[in-house]
Protein backbone atom coordinates (compact mmCIF):
# COMPACT_ATOMS: atom_id res chain seq x y z
CA MET A 1 0.11 0.00 0.00
CA PRO A 2 1.36 3.52 -0.60
CA PHE A 3 0.37 4.01 3.02
CA GLU A 4 -1.19 2.28 5.89
CA LEU A 5 -4.66 3.19 7.51
CA SER A 6 -5.48 2.96 11.01
CA LEU A 7 -8.62 1.43 12.04
CA LYS A 8 -9.59 4.99 13.55
CA GLU A 9 -8.84 6.40 9.91
CA GLY A 10 -11.24 3.91 8.27
CA ALA A 11 -13.79 4.19 10.65
CA PHE A 12 -13.53 8.22 10.12
CA LEU A 13 -14.10 7.39 6.10
CA VAL A 14 -16.86 4.82 6.52
CA LYS A 15 -18.73 7.40 9.08
CA LEU A 16 -17.87 10.02 6.51
CA ALA A 17 -19.81 8.03 3.83
CA ARG A 18 -23.07 7.48 5.81
CA ASN A 19 -23.25 11.04 6.97
CA SER A 20 -22.57 12.19 3.25
CA ILE A 21 -25.43 10.04 1.81
CA GLU A 22 -27.78 11.15 4.60
CA GLN A 23 -27.02 14.71 3.97
CA PHE A 24 -27.60 14.43 0.37
CA LEU A 25 -30.83 12.65 0.71
CA LYS A 26 -32.07 15.17 3.35
CA THR A 27 -30.92 18.49 1.70
CA GLY A 28 -29.62 17.64 -1.92
CA GLU A 29 -26.35 19.03 -0.97
CA LYS A 30 -22.82 17.65 -0.64
CA LEU A 31 -21.33 17.23 3.05
CA PRO A 32 -18.31 19.97 3.10
CA THR A 33 -14.72 18.80 3.94
CA PRO A 34 -14.82 18.14 7.65
CA LYS A 35 -12.27 20.62 9.46
CA ASN A 36 -11.20 17.41 11.93
CA THR A 37 -10.25 15.50 8.93
CA PRO A 38 -6.83 13.65 9.57
CA SER A 39 -4.00 15.01 7.35
CA LYS A 40 -3.44 11.47 5.99
CA LEU A 41 -6.63 11.55 4.31
CA MET A 42 -6.30 14.69 2.48
CA GLU A 43 -3.84 12.90 0.42
CA LYS A 44 -4.85 12.08 -2.99
CA CYS A 45 -5.95 8.34 -3.20
CA GLY A 46 -8.34 6.12 -5.12
CA VAL A 47 -11.38 4.97 -3.44
CA PHE A 48 -14.68 2.96 -3.94
CA VAL A 49 -17.81 3.16 -1.75
CA THR A 50 -20.09 0.00 -1.54
CA LEU A 51 -23.58 -0.10 -0.40
CA ASN A 52 -24.69 -3.58 0.60
CA ARG A 53 -28.54 -4.04 1.58
CA MET A 54 -29.00 -6.54 4.20
CA GLU A 55 -31.88 -8.89 3.48
CA GLY A 56 -32.45 -11.84 5.74
CA GLY A 57 -28.78 -12.00 6.87
CA THR A 58 -27.48 -11.94 3.53
CA LYS A 59 -25.81 -8.90 1.62
CA GLU A 60 -27.19 -7.39 -1.89
CA LEU A 61 -25.62 -5.08 -3.71
CA ARG A 62 -26.99 -1.73 -3.65
CA GLY A 63 -24.47 0.63 -5.32
CA CYS A 64 -20.76 0.81 -6.09
CA ILE A 65 -19.00 3.75 -7.26
CA GLY A 66 -15.58 5.38 -6.92
CA TYR A 67 -12.33 6.96 -8.08
CA PRO A 68 -9.78 4.04 -9.32
CA GLU A 69 -6.72 6.83 -9.84
CA PRO A 70 -5.68 9.47 -7.02
CA THR A 71 -6.97 12.24 -8.65
CA LEU A 72 -8.67 13.87 -5.48
CA PRO A 73 -7.75 13.93 -1.94
CA LEU A 74 -9.13 10.76 -0.21
CA VAL A 75 -11.74 12.62 2.03
CA GLU A 76 -13.40 14.59 -0.97
CA ALA A 77 -13.19 11.49 -3.29
CA THR A 78 -14.89 9.33 -0.40
CA ILE A 79 -17.70 12.13 0.27
CA ASP A 80 -18.39 11.77 -3.99
CA SER A 81 -18.31 8.32 -4.40
CA ALA A 82 -20.98 7.60 -1.33
CA VAL A 83 -23.22 10.17 -2.76
CA ASN A 84 -22.69 8.82 -6.28
CA ALA A 85 -23.01 5.27 -5.00
CA ALA A 86 -26.23 6.04 -3.38
CA VAL A 87 -28.02 7.99 -6.21
CA ASN A 88 -26.14 7.44 -9.64
CA ASP A 89 -25.20 3.66 -10.32
CA PRO A 90 -27.23 3.03 -13.39
CA ARG A 91 -27.77 -0.26 -12.07
CA PHE A 92 -30.00 0.50 -9.41
CA SER A 93 -32.75 3.21 -8.27
CA PRO A 94 -31.64 5.80 -6.18
CA VAL A 95 -31.44 4.92 -2.47
CA ARG A 96 -34.20 6.19 -0.30
CA LEU A 97 -33.93 7.95 3.16
CA ASP A 98 -35.71 5.29 5.02
CA GLU A 99 -33.55 2.43 3.35
CA LEU A 100 -30.25 3.75 5.10
CA ASN A 101 -30.89 1.95 8.39
CA GLN A 102 -30.78 -1.32 6.30
CA ILE A 103 -27.60 -0.53 4.28
CA LEU A 104 -24.11 -1.50 5.02
CA ILE A 105 -21.39 0.95 4.21
CA GLU A 106 -18.11 -0.30 2.73
CA VAL A 107 -14.88 1.77 1.88
CA SER A 108 -12.22 0.43 0.07
CA VAL A 109 -8.98 2.88 -0.44
CA LEU A 110 -6.80 1.57 -3.61
CA THR A 111 -3.27 1.51 -4.47
CA PRO A 112 -2.73 3.24 -7.93
CA PRO A 113 -3.45 0.61 -10.56
CA LYS A 114 -0.56 -0.91 -12.37
CA LEU A 115 -0.15 -2.48 -15.62
CA ILE A 116 0.14 -6.17 -15.24
CA GLU A 117 3.45 -7.22 -17.98
CA ALA A 118 2.81 -10.29 -19.54
CA LYS A 119 4.53 -11.76 -23.14
CA ASP A 120 1.79 -14.42 -23.46
CA PRO A 121 -1.73 -13.51 -22.26
CA LYS A 122 -1.76 -16.92 -20.84
CA ASP A 123 0.45 -15.89 -18.06
CA TYR A 124 -2.22 -13.38 -16.51
CA PRO A 125 -3.42 -15.89 -14.20
CA HIS A 126 -0.01 -16.53 -12.62
CA LYS A 127 0.57 -12.94 -12.19
CA ILE A 128 -2.56 -12.25 -9.99
CA LYS A 129 -3.46 -13.35 -6.24
CA ILE A 130 -7.22 -13.88 -5.34
CA GLY A 131 -7.66 -11.71 -1.96
CA ARG A 132 -4.87 -9.44 -2.87
CA ASP A 133 -5.62 -8.01 -6.15
CA GLY A 134 -8.17 -6.08 -7.65
CA LEU A 135 -8.47 -5.82 -11.50
CA ILE A 136 -8.93 -3.34 -14.45
CA VAL A 137 -9.35 -4.77 -17.68
CA GLU A 138 -9.42 -2.26 -20.64
CA ARG A 139 -9.93 -3.00 -24.73
CA ASP A 140 -10.42 -0.10 -26.66
CA TRP A 141 -12.98 2.06 -25.04
CA HIS A 142 -14.38 -0.78 -22.92
CA LYS A 143 -13.22 -0.70 -19.00
CA GLY A 144 -14.23 -2.58 -16.32
CA LEU A 145 -13.09 -3.16 -12.45
CA LEU A 146 -13.62 -5.63 -9.98
CA LEU A 147 -12.52 -5.03 -6.18
CA PRO A 148 -10.24 -7.24 -4.63
CA GLN A 149 -13.06 -8.49 -2.27
CA VAL A 150 -15.27 -9.57 -4.92
CA PRO A 151 -13.86 -12.53 -6.07
CA VAL A 152 -13.59 -13.66 -2.39
CA GLU A 153 -16.99 -13.20 -1.75
CA TRP A 154 -18.05 -15.13 -4.79
CA HIS A 155 -15.52 -17.71 -4.46
CA TRP A 156 -13.90 -17.15 -8.13
CA ASP A 157 -10.83 -18.57 -9.29
CA LYS A 158 -8.48 -16.49 -11.30
CA LEU A 159 -9.90 -17.63 -14.57
CA GLU A 160 -13.50 -16.62 -13.17
CA PHE A 161 -12.03 -13.55 -12.06
CA LEU A 162 -10.67 -12.32 -15.23
CA GLY A 163 -13.71 -13.48 -17.39
CA SER A 164 -16.09 -11.64 -14.80
CA CYS A 165 -13.70 -8.51 -15.13
CA CYS A 166 -14.21 -8.75 -19.05
CA MET A 167 -17.86 -9.05 -18.75
CA LYS A 168 -17.83 -6.01 -16.03
CA ALA A 169 -16.40 -4.32 -19.20
CA GLY A 170 -18.82 -5.16 -21.58
CA ILE A 171 -16.93 -7.49 -23.34
CA SER A 172 -16.96 -11.37 -23.93
CA PRO A 173 -15.42 -13.51 -20.95
CA ASP A 174 -12.26 -14.48 -22.83
CA SER A 175 -11.22 -11.23 -24.19
CA TRP A 176 -8.12 -11.27 -21.74
CA LEU A 177 -6.58 -13.55 -24.14
CA LEU A 178 -6.76 -11.31 -26.94
CA GLU A 179 -3.86 -9.20 -28.38
CA GLY A 180 -4.41 -5.40 -27.14
CA THR A 181 -6.27 -6.11 -24.10
CA LYS A 182 -4.79 -4.41 -20.80
CA ILE A 183 -4.74 -5.71 -17.48
CA TYR A 184 -4.29 -3.81 -14.75
CA SER A 185 -4.13 -4.51 -10.69
CA PHE A 186 -4.41 -2.80 -7.66
CA GLN A 187 -4.64 -3.52 -3.92
CA ALA A 188 -7.24 -2.18 -1.27
CA ILE A 189 -7.40 -1.35 2.33
CA VAL A 190 -11.39 -2.18 2.98
CA PHE A 191 -13.44 -0.97 6.09
CA GLU A 192 -16.95 -2.05 6.60
CA GLU A 193 -19.83 -1.48 9.08
CA GLU A 194 -20.60 -4.89 11.02
CA CYS A 195 -23.99 -3.89 10.73
CA PRO A 196 -25.89 -0.90 9.36
CA ASN A 197 -24.55 2.41 11.18
CA GLY A 198 -22.69 -0.11 13.69
CA LYS A 199 -19.26 -0.84 14.81
CA ILE A 200 -16.63 -0.72 11.95
CA LYS A 201 -14.20 -3.00 11.26
CA ARG A 202 -11.30 -4.07 8.71
CA VAL A 203 -11.89 -6.65 6.11
CA LYS A 204 -9.30 -9.45 5.82
CA LEU A 205 -9.02 -10.02 2.34
CA GLY A 206 -6.26 -12.75 2.37
CA GLU A 207 -2.47 -12.48 2.15
């Protein structure tokens, strides 16, 4: 990781994400950067905010949007990502205010993506590790990203992970084998609520 985050700093981001969503749903305005933001969270960094609705003890995705590249200070990117995950994910209807008490907030802080170098595309599976790496697949104008926790949650192997990332990009699942397809990897520090608006923990993705 470019830098480490403490549980206290991670909890700050998760609470900030929830407060940002609540503020926007109530007023239509984005939360300003809190004055008590730790200095480390003012550094530019990629981040994704994931919303999971709890249904009968299982998690169902309700929104996930973020910044793959370190283009904004982490605190600002978290505020933007939280609001966009709640109201601008095209896969879902906007989150309602009365839903928030059923939604788990998860914040993933990302390392900058790095191009995976491979002489032969068949070498890609040997260069990624489930539980450590997230992936970005890029081909022409198509681009798809999956966070490192996704293959762990779905029990995918490396081939399923690569194929699913291609499909996320809107291309066929075997497109990672084609010349001209670019594969990037990144890592993440992940924090989430144990229950909606509850205690916050760091998610162990595997070593």
